[in-house]
Protein backbone atom coordinates (compact mmCIF):
# COMPACT_ATOMS: atom_id res chain seq x y z
CA MET A 1 63.17 3.84 35.95
CA LYS A 2 62.03 7.43 35.84
CA THR A 3 59.52 8.58 33.18
CA PRO A 4 60.93 11.40 31.02
CA ALA A 5 59.35 14.83 31.24
CA PRO A 6 56.78 15.50 28.47
CA GLU A 7 58.71 18.45 27.06
CA THR A 8 61.89 16.43 26.51
CA PHE A 9 62.68 14.62 23.28
CA GLU A 10 62.18 11.23 24.94
CA GLY A 11 58.91 12.39 26.49
CA GLN A 12 57.59 13.49 23.10
CA ILE A 13 58.56 10.13 21.57
CA LEU A 14 56.83 8.34 24.45
CA ALA A 15 53.65 10.35 23.78
CA LEU A 16 53.74 9.28 20.11
CA LEU A 17 53.99 5.54 20.88
CA PRO A 18 50.24 4.66 20.73
CA SER A 19 49.87 6.37 17.36
CA LEU A 20 53.09 4.79 16.06
CA ARG A 21 51.97 1.35 17.25
CA ARG A 22 48.67 1.62 15.35
CA TYR A 23 50.47 2.84 12.23
CA SER A 24 53.08 0.06 12.36
CA ARG A 25 50.38 -2.57 12.73
CA SER A 26 48.42 -1.13 9.81
CA LEU A 27 51.55 -1.24 7.65
CA THR A 28 52.58 -4.78 8.51
CA ARG A 29 49.09 -6.24 8.98
CA SER A 30 50.48 -8.17 11.94
CA ASP A 31 50.77 -7.47 15.66
CA ALA A 32 54.16 -9.16 16.00
CA ASP A 33 55.68 -7.57 12.88
CA GLY A 34 54.15 -4.25 13.88
CA GLU A 35 55.85 -4.40 17.27
CA ASP A 36 59.16 -5.25 15.60
CA LEU A 37 58.79 -2.30 13.23
CA LEU A 38 57.88 -0.01 16.14
CA GLN A 39 60.95 -1.07 18.11
CA ASP A 40 63.23 -0.65 15.10
CA CYS A 41 61.77 2.81 14.48
CA VAL A 42 62.16 3.99 18.08
CA GLU A 43 65.73 2.67 18.15
CA LYS A 44 66.58 4.52 14.94
CA VAL A 45 64.89 7.73 16.15
CA LEU A 46 66.80 7.69 19.43
CA THR A 47 70.16 6.93 17.80
CA ARG A 48 69.65 9.64 15.15
CA ARG A 49 68.32 12.25 17.52
CA GLY A 50 71.01 14.69 16.37
CA GLN A 51 69.56 14.71 12.83
CA TRP A 52 66.21 16.09 13.96
CA ARG A 53 65.93 19.79 13.11
CA GLY A 54 63.39 20.74 15.77
CA LEU A 55 60.35 20.88 13.48
CA ASN A 56 57.43 18.43 13.29
CA LEU A 57 58.75 15.48 15.30
CA ARG A 58 55.69 13.38 14.47
CA GLY A 59 56.24 13.77 10.71
CA TRP A 60 59.94 12.96 11.05
CA VAL A 61 59.23 9.78 13.01
CA LEU A 62 56.48 8.71 10.58
CA THR A 63 58.88 9.16 7.67
CA ILE A 64 61.47 6.99 9.42
CA MET A 65 58.90 4.26 10.12
CA THR A 66 57.57 4.31 6.56
CA ASN A 67 61.08 4.06 5.14
CA LEU A 68 62.01 1.22 7.53
CA TYR A 69 58.90 -0.67 6.44
CA ARG A 70 59.58 -0.14 2.74
CA ASN A 71 63.25 -1.13 3.10
CA GLY A 72 62.29 -4.23 5.09
CA ARG A 73 59.85 -5.35 2.40
CA ARG A 74 62.39 -5.10 -0.38
CA GLY A 75 64.57 -7.95 0.81
CA LYS A 76 61.91 -10.06 2.45
CA THR A 77 59.36 -12.41 0.97
CA ARG A 78 56.05 -12.74 2.70
CA ASP A 79 55.33 -16.15 4.09
CA GLY A 80 52.25 -16.63 6.19
CA ILE A 81 52.99 -20.21 7.14
CA VAL A 82 53.67 -20.90 10.79
CA GLU A 83 54.56 -24.34 12.05
CA LEU A 84 51.97 -25.72 14.44
CA ASP A 85 54.60 -26.39 17.12
CA ALA A 86 55.79 -22.79 16.93
CA ALA A 87 52.26 -21.44 17.42
CA ASP A 88 51.19 -23.55 20.42
CA ASN A 89 52.03 -20.92 23.03
CA LEU A 90 50.50 -17.93 21.24
CA ALA A 91 47.59 -16.26 22.99
CA ALA A 92 44.30 -16.33 21.15
CA PRO A 93 43.06 -12.86 20.20
CA GLU A 94 40.00 -11.55 21.99
CA PRO A 95 36.97 -12.02 19.75
CA PRO A 96 35.33 -8.80 18.54
CA ALA A 97 31.73 -8.00 19.42
CA ASP A 98 30.58 -8.99 15.91
CA PRO A 99 33.15 -11.32 14.32
CA LEU A 100 31.60 -11.07 10.86
CA GLU A 101 31.69 -7.28 10.87
CA ARG A 102 35.33 -7.23 12.00
CA ALA A 103 36.27 -9.82 9.37
CA ARG A 104 34.51 -7.83 6.64
CA LEU A 105 36.30 -4.63 7.67
CA ASP A 106 39.68 -6.41 7.84
CA ASP A 107 39.04 -7.90 4.41
CA ALA A 108 38.06 -4.51 2.98
CA LEU A 109 41.17 -2.80 4.40
CA ASN A 110 43.48 -5.63 3.33
CA SER A 111 42.09 -5.49 -0.21
CA LEU A 112 43.51 -1.97 -0.59
CA SER A 113 46.92 -1.42 -2.10
CA GLU A 114 49.67 -0.41 0.31
CA GLU A 115 49.62 3.20 -0.90
CA HIS A 116 45.88 3.57 -0.36
CA ARG A 117 45.84 1.75 2.99
CA VAL A 118 48.68 3.86 4.42
CA VAL A 119 47.01 7.15 3.49
CA LEU A 120 43.63 5.97 4.83
CA MET A 121 45.13 4.88 8.15
CA LEU A 122 47.15 8.07 8.64
CA VAL A 123 44.31 10.47 7.84
CA VAL A 124 41.27 8.63 9.17
CA ILE A 125 42.63 6.68 12.15
CA GLU A 126 45.59 8.80 13.24
CA GLY A 127 44.08 12.18 12.36
CA TYR A 128 47.04 13.61 10.45
CA THR A 129 46.41 16.46 8.02
CA TYR A 130 46.86 16.01 4.28
CA GLY A 131 49.99 18.14 4.43
CA GLU A 132 51.54 16.06 7.22
CA VAL A 133 50.85 12.83 5.36
CA ALA A 134 52.22 14.29 2.15
CA ALA A 135 55.42 15.34 3.93
CA ALA A 136 55.82 12.00 5.71
CA LEU A 137 55.31 9.96 2.54
CA ASP A 138 57.11 12.45 0.27
CA ILE A 139 54.19 12.78 -2.15
CA PRO A 140 52.12 15.80 -3.29
CA THR A 141 49.08 16.81 -1.21
CA GLY A 142 46.81 16.22 -4.20
CA THR A 143 48.00 12.63 -4.38
CA VAL A 144 47.13 12.16 -0.70
CA MET A 145 43.63 13.50 -1.32
CA SER A 146 43.17 11.32 -4.40
CA ARG A 147 44.40 8.15 -2.67
CA LEU A 148 42.21 8.83 0.35
CA SER A 149 39.14 9.33 -1.81
CA ARG A 150 39.79 6.13 -3.75
CA ALA A 151 40.51 4.17 -0.56
CA ARG A 152 37.28 5.33 1.08
CA ARG A 153 35.29 4.50 -2.04
CA ARG A 154 36.83 1.01 -2.34
CA VAL A 155 36.24 0.19 1.32
CA ALA A 156 32.62 1.38 1.08
CA GLU A 157 32.06 -0.65 -2.10
CA ARG A 158 33.63 -3.74 -0.55
CA LEU A 159 31.55 -3.45 2.62
CA LYS A 160 28.38 -2.79 0.62
CA ALA A 161 29.03 -5.78 -1.65
CA ASP A 162 29.58 -8.07 1.34
CA ASN A 163 26.33 -6.95 2.91
CA ILE A 164 24.08 -8.60 0.32
CA ILE A 165 21.95 -11.45 1.62
CA THR A 166 19.83 -13.36 -0.84
CA LEU A 167 16.51 -14.43 0.51
CA ARG A 168 14.24 -17.09 -0.90
CA ARG A 169 10.86 -15.96 -2.02
CA PRO A 170 7.97 -17.96 -0.60
CA LYS A 171 5.86 -19.78 -3.20
């Protein structure tokens, strides 16, 4: 199969895939669900190509992914239980360099509300501007700035609180 040229619509979508994959995983908090969301989004983008007006493709695709995620959550209850037999052929994730640091960061990010986590991931990890995030999420720019500030503060507080080690004093 031939790779599409970068200037084509398909080529531009292909270039966005790494960013979209990270965003979908941050929304769903799961690699498998993130991949499903990514595939659903790309399918919808390609089938609705005629609706794109030629401006800000990245913002248009982000809006579609965010709406797909929100619509999927409405009718679905979260269950984190997996049968042992169903999980026997899953690959174990590669351990991070410092498992405690990674766990603390995951815990801090997962403690954020969805609204705060989404804004933090889009601005800090993906590098979108406040205006792009505001357009993609259909909220005012001031709200993006406020949510980002609160999210950063909460993550910093959570990481700082988890970094306390009590030592015994020698007698």
